[in-house]
């Protein structure tokens, strides 16, 4: 009897109450607009970040090597941030599935 109960339990879906994500009614368009604004802001911040890093590297070329190194070390952080911003929604959907 216990064996039959365990086998019946194992035959069930692991989590039957797991519906797929769905936006609340009427909120889909504002959410898409908000995400598009955030992506645009991230692109703007990335462009500004690259420009600031370039200026730091140019200004630190002579007698301020630490400033040039700080500018160069900021570039991977900018690339990482832009990568996350561009793939953020896809990564979140992949993780939540």
N, C-alpha and C. Protein backbone atom coordinates (compact mmCIF):
# COMPACT_ATOMS: atom_id res chain seq x y z
N UNK A 1 0.82 -1.18 0.00
CA UNK A 1 0.00 0.00 0.00
C UNK A 1 0.88 1.26 0.00
N UNK A 2 1.89 1.29 0.83
CA UNK A 2 2.78 2.44 0.86
C UNK A 2 3.52 2.56 -0.47
N UNK A 3 3.90 1.41 -1.01
CA UNK A 3 4.60 1.41 -2.29
C UNK A 3 3.72 2.01 -3.38
N UNK A 4 2.45 1.66 -3.43
CA UNK A 4 1.53 2.21 -4.43
C UNK A 4 1.36 3.72 -4.25
N UNK A 5 1.28 4.17 -3.02
CA UNK A 5 1.14 5.60 -2.74
C UNK A 5 2.37 6.37 -3.22
N UNK A 6 3.55 5.83 -2.94
CA UNK A 6 4.79 6.48 -3.37
C UNK A 6 4.87 6.51 -4.89
N UNK A 7 4.51 5.43 -5.54
CA UNK A 7 4.55 5.40 -7.01
C UNK A 7 3.54 6.38 -7.61
N UNK A 8 2.37 6.51 -7.01
CA UNK A 8 1.40 7.48 -7.49
C UNK A 8 1.92 8.91 -7.30
N UNK A 9 2.56 9.15 -6.18
CA UNK A 9 3.12 10.48 -5.91
C UNK A 9 4.22 10.82 -6.92
N UNK A 10 5.07 9.85 -7.22
CA UNK A 10 6.16 10.08 -8.16
C UNK A 10 5.66 10.26 -9.59
N UNK A 11 4.49 9.73 -9.90
CA UNK A 11 3.94 9.85 -11.25
C UNK A 11 3.35 11.24 -11.50
N UNK A 12 3.10 12.01 -10.45
CA UNK A 12 2.55 13.35 -10.60
C UNK A 12 3.61 14.30 -11.15
N UNK A 13 3.15 15.41 -11.70
CA UNK A 13 4.09 16.44 -12.14
C UNK A 13 4.80 17.00 -10.92
N UNK A 14 6.05 17.42 -11.07
CA UNK A 14 6.80 17.92 -9.91
C UNK A 14 6.16 19.14 -9.27
N UNK A 15 5.60 20.03 -10.06
CA UNK A 15 4.97 21.23 -9.50
C UNK A 15 3.76 21.58 -10.37
N UNK A 16 2.60 21.00 -10.08
CA UNK A 16 1.45 21.22 -10.96
C UNK A 16 0.92 22.66 -10.91
N UNK A 17 1.22 23.41 -9.85
CA UNK A 17 0.73 24.78 -9.73
C UNK A 17 1.81 25.79 -10.11
N UNK A 18 2.32 25.66 -11.32
CA UNK A 18 3.38 26.55 -11.79
C UNK A 18 2.98 27.13 -13.14
N UNK A 19 2.10 28.15 -13.15
CA UNK A 19 1.67 28.71 -14.44
C UNK A 19 2.78 29.55 -15.07
N UNK A 20 2.75 29.71 -16.37
CA UNK A 20 3.76 30.55 -17.03
C UNK A 20 3.53 32.02 -16.67
N UNK A 21 4.58 32.85 -16.75
CA UNK A 21 4.41 34.27 -16.42
C UNK A 21 3.51 34.96 -17.44
N UNK A 22 2.67 35.85 -16.95
CA UNK A 22 1.78 36.62 -17.80
C UNK A 22 1.65 38.03 -17.23
N UNK A 23 1.64 39.03 -18.09
CA UNK A 23 1.51 40.40 -17.58
C UNK A 23 0.10 40.66 -17.09
N UNK A 24 -0.05 41.53 -16.10
CA UNK A 24 -1.39 41.91 -15.66
C UNK A 24 -2.13 42.62 -16.80
N UNK A 25 -3.44 42.49 -16.85
CA UNK A 25 -4.19 43.13 -17.94
C UNK A 25 -3.96 44.65 -17.97
N UNK A 26 -3.66 45.15 -19.15
CA UNK A 26 -3.45 46.57 -19.34
C UNK A 26 -2.06 47.07 -18.97
N UNK A 27 -1.20 46.20 -18.50
CA UNK A 27 0.13 46.64 -18.07
C UNK A 27 1.23 46.24 -19.05
N UNK A 28 0.87 45.50 -20.09
CA UNK A 28 1.89 45.01 -21.02
C UNK A 28 2.56 46.15 -21.79
N UNK A 29 1.78 47.07 -22.34
CA UNK A 29 2.36 48.19 -23.11
C UNK A 29 3.20 49.11 -22.23
N UNK A 30 2.71 49.54 -21.04
CA UNK A 30 3.57 50.38 -20.20
C UNK A 30 4.86 49.68 -19.76
N UNK A 31 4.80 48.38 -19.52
CA UNK A 31 6.00 47.65 -19.12
C UNK A 31 7.01 47.61 -20.27
N UNK A 32 6.53 47.38 -21.49
CA UNK A 32 7.43 47.39 -22.65
C UNK A 32 8.04 48.78 -22.85
N UNK A 33 7.24 49.83 -22.65
CA UNK A 33 7.74 51.19 -22.78
C UNK A 33 8.80 51.47 -21.73
N UNK A 34 8.56 51.05 -20.49
CA UNK A 34 9.53 51.26 -19.42
C UNK A 34 10.83 50.53 -19.71
N UNK A 35 10.74 49.27 -20.17
CA UNK A 35 11.95 48.51 -20.50
C UNK A 35 12.72 49.16 -21.65
N UNK A 36 12.00 49.67 -22.64
CA UNK A 36 12.70 50.32 -23.76
C UNK A 36 13.39 51.60 -23.29
N UNK A 37 12.77 52.34 -22.37
CA UNK A 37 13.43 53.53 -21.82
C UNK A 37 14.67 53.14 -21.03
N UNK A 38 14.59 52.07 -20.26
CA UNK A 38 15.74 51.64 -19.47
C UNK A 38 16.89 51.20 -20.38
N UNK A 39 16.57 50.48 -21.46
CA UNK A 39 17.63 50.07 -22.40
C UNK A 39 18.26 51.29 -23.07
N UNK A 40 17.44 52.27 -23.43
CA UNK A 40 17.98 53.49 -24.02
C UNK A 40 18.89 54.20 -23.03
N UNK A 41 18.46 54.28 -21.77
CA UNK A 41 19.29 54.90 -20.74
C UNK A 41 20.60 54.16 -20.54
N UNK A 42 20.55 52.83 -20.61
CA UNK A 42 21.77 52.04 -20.47
C UNK A 42 22.72 52.30 -21.64
N UNK A 43 22.18 52.40 -22.85
CA UNK A 43 23.03 52.71 -24.00
C UNK A 43 23.65 54.10 -23.87
N UNK A 44 22.87 55.06 -23.40
CA UNK A 44 23.40 56.40 -23.19
C UNK A 44 24.50 56.39 -22.13
N UNK A 45 24.25 55.69 -21.02
CA UNK A 45 25.26 55.61 -19.96
C UNK A 45 26.52 54.89 -20.45
N UNK A 46 26.35 53.86 -21.29
CA UNK A 46 27.50 53.17 -21.84
C UNK A 46 28.33 54.07 -22.74
N UNK A 47 27.67 54.85 -23.58
CA UNK A 47 28.39 55.80 -24.42
C UNK A 47 29.13 56.84 -23.61
N UNK A 48 28.47 57.35 -22.58
CA UNK A 48 29.13 58.32 -21.70
C UNK A 48 30.30 57.67 -20.97
N UNK A 49 30.11 56.43 -20.53
CA UNK A 49 31.18 55.71 -19.84
C UNK A 49 32.40 55.50 -20.72
N UNK A 50 32.17 55.10 -21.98
CA UNK A 50 33.29 54.94 -22.90
C UNK A 50 34.01 56.27 -23.14
N UNK A 51 33.23 57.33 -23.26
CA UNK A 51 33.84 58.65 -23.48
C UNK A 51 34.68 59.08 -22.28
N UNK A 52 34.15 58.88 -21.08
CA UNK A 52 34.89 59.24 -19.87
C UNK A 52 36.16 58.40 -19.74
N UNK A 53 36.05 57.11 -20.05
CA UNK A 53 37.25 56.25 -20.00
C UNK A 53 38.30 56.72 -21.00
N UNK A 54 37.85 57.09 -22.19
CA UNK A 54 38.80 57.57 -23.20
C UNK A 54 39.47 58.86 -22.76
N UNK A 55 38.69 59.78 -22.18
CA UNK A 55 39.27 61.04 -21.71
C UNK A 55 40.27 60.78 -20.59
N UNK A 56 39.94 59.87 -19.69
CA UNK A 56 40.87 59.54 -18.60
C UNK A 56 42.16 58.94 -19.14
N UNK A 57 42.04 58.08 -20.16
CA UNK A 57 43.25 57.49 -20.74
C UNK A 57 44.08 58.53 -21.47
N UNK A 58 43.42 59.46 -22.15
CA UNK A 58 44.15 60.51 -22.86
C UNK A 58 44.82 61.45 -21.87
N UNK A 59 44.07 61.88 -20.85
CA UNK A 59 44.62 62.82 -19.87
C UNK A 59 45.70 62.17 -19.01
N UNK A 60 45.61 60.89 -18.79
CA UNK A 60 46.58 60.21 -17.94
C UNK A 60 47.79 59.69 -18.67
N UNK A 61 47.89 60.02 -19.93
CA UNK A 61 49.01 59.51 -20.73
C UNK A 61 50.34 60.03 -20.22
N UNK A 62 50.41 61.25 -19.81
CA UNK A 62 51.67 61.86 -19.36
C UNK A 62 51.63 62.12 -17.86
N UNK A 63 52.51 61.49 -17.14
CA UNK A 63 52.74 61.73 -15.71
C UNK A 63 51.56 61.41 -14.79
N UNK A 64 50.51 60.82 -15.33
CA UNK A 64 49.38 60.41 -14.49
C UNK A 64 48.94 59.02 -14.92
N UNK A 65 49.84 58.08 -14.81
CA UNK A 65 49.55 56.74 -15.32
C UNK A 65 48.43 56.05 -14.55
N UNK A 66 48.23 56.41 -13.28
CA UNK A 66 47.15 55.80 -12.50
C UNK A 66 45.79 56.20 -13.08
N UNK A 67 45.68 57.43 -13.55
CA UNK A 67 44.43 57.88 -14.15
C UNK A 67 44.16 57.13 -15.45
N UNK A 68 45.19 56.91 -16.25
CA UNK A 68 45.03 56.15 -17.48
C UNK A 68 44.66 54.71 -17.18
N UNK A 69 45.26 54.14 -16.15
CA UNK A 69 44.93 52.76 -15.78
C UNK A 69 43.50 52.66 -15.27
N UNK A 70 43.05 53.67 -14.52
CA UNK A 70 41.65 53.67 -14.06
C UNK A 70 40.69 53.76 -15.24
N UNK A 71 41.02 54.57 -16.22
CA UNK A 71 40.17 54.66 -17.41
C UNK A 71 40.12 53.35 -18.17
N UNK A 72 41.26 52.70 -18.30
CA UNK A 72 41.31 51.42 -19.01
C UNK A 72 40.60 50.32 -18.23
N UNK A 73 40.70 50.37 -16.91
CA UNK A 73 40.05 49.32 -16.12
C UNK A 73 38.54 49.48 -16.07
N UNK A 74 38.03 50.64 -16.45
CA UNK A 74 36.58 50.84 -16.49
C UNK A 74 35.93 50.23 -17.72
N UNK A 75 36.70 50.00 -18.76
CA UNK A 75 36.13 49.50 -20.02
C UNK A 75 35.47 48.13 -19.87
N UNK A 76 36.08 47.14 -19.20
CA UNK A 76 35.37 45.86 -19.04
C UNK A 76 34.06 45.99 -18.26
N UNK A 77 34.02 46.90 -17.30
CA UNK A 77 32.78 47.11 -16.54
C UNK A 77 31.69 47.70 -17.44
N UNK A 78 32.08 48.60 -18.32
CA UNK A 78 31.12 49.19 -19.24
C UNK A 78 30.59 48.12 -20.19
N UNK A 79 31.49 47.31 -20.73
CA UNK A 79 31.08 46.24 -21.65
C UNK A 79 30.17 45.25 -20.94
N UNK A 80 30.51 44.89 -19.71
CA UNK A 80 29.66 43.98 -18.94
C UNK A 80 28.29 44.56 -18.67
N UNK A 81 28.24 45.83 -18.32
CA UNK A 81 26.95 46.48 -18.07
C UNK A 81 26.09 46.56 -19.32
N UNK A 82 26.70 46.91 -20.44
CA UNK A 82 25.95 46.96 -21.70
C UNK A 82 25.48 45.58 -22.12
N UNK A 83 26.29 44.56 -21.88
CA UNK A 83 25.90 43.19 -22.21
C UNK A 83 24.69 42.76 -21.39
N UNK A 84 24.73 43.05 -20.10
CA UNK A 84 23.59 42.71 -19.25
C UNK A 84 22.34 43.49 -19.63
N UNK A 85 22.50 44.75 -19.97
CA UNK A 85 21.35 45.57 -20.35
C UNK A 85 20.71 45.06 -21.64
N UNK A 86 21.53 44.65 -22.60
CA UNK A 86 20.98 44.19 -23.87
C UNK A 86 20.37 42.80 -23.78
N UNK A 87 20.90 41.97 -22.91
CA UNK A 87 20.40 40.59 -22.80
C UNK A 87 19.62 40.35 -21.52
N UNK A 88 19.30 41.41 -20.79
CA UNK A 88 18.67 41.25 -19.47
C UNK A 88 17.34 40.53 -19.51
N UNK A 89 16.45 40.94 -20.40
CA UNK A 89 15.13 40.32 -20.46
C UNK A 89 15.23 38.85 -20.87
N UNK A 90 16.10 38.56 -21.83
CA UNK A 90 16.28 37.17 -22.25
C UNK A 90 16.88 36.31 -21.15
N UNK A 91 17.85 36.85 -20.42
CA UNK A 91 18.45 36.10 -19.31
C UNK A 91 17.44 35.85 -18.20
N UNK A 92 16.63 36.86 -17.89
CA UNK A 92 15.62 36.68 -16.85
C UNK A 92 14.61 35.61 -17.26
N UNK A 93 14.18 35.63 -18.51
CA UNK A 93 13.23 34.62 -18.98
C UNK A 93 13.86 33.23 -18.96
N UNK A 94 15.13 33.14 -19.31
CA UNK A 94 15.82 31.85 -19.29
C UNK A 94 15.95 31.31 -17.88
N UNK A 95 16.28 32.17 -16.93
CA UNK A 95 16.45 31.74 -15.54
C UNK A 95 15.12 31.35 -14.91
N UNK A 96 14.06 32.08 -15.23
CA UNK A 96 12.77 31.83 -14.59
C UNK A 96 12.01 30.67 -15.20
N UNK A 97 12.49 30.10 -16.29
CA UNK A 97 11.78 28.96 -16.89
C UNK A 97 12.05 27.69 -16.16
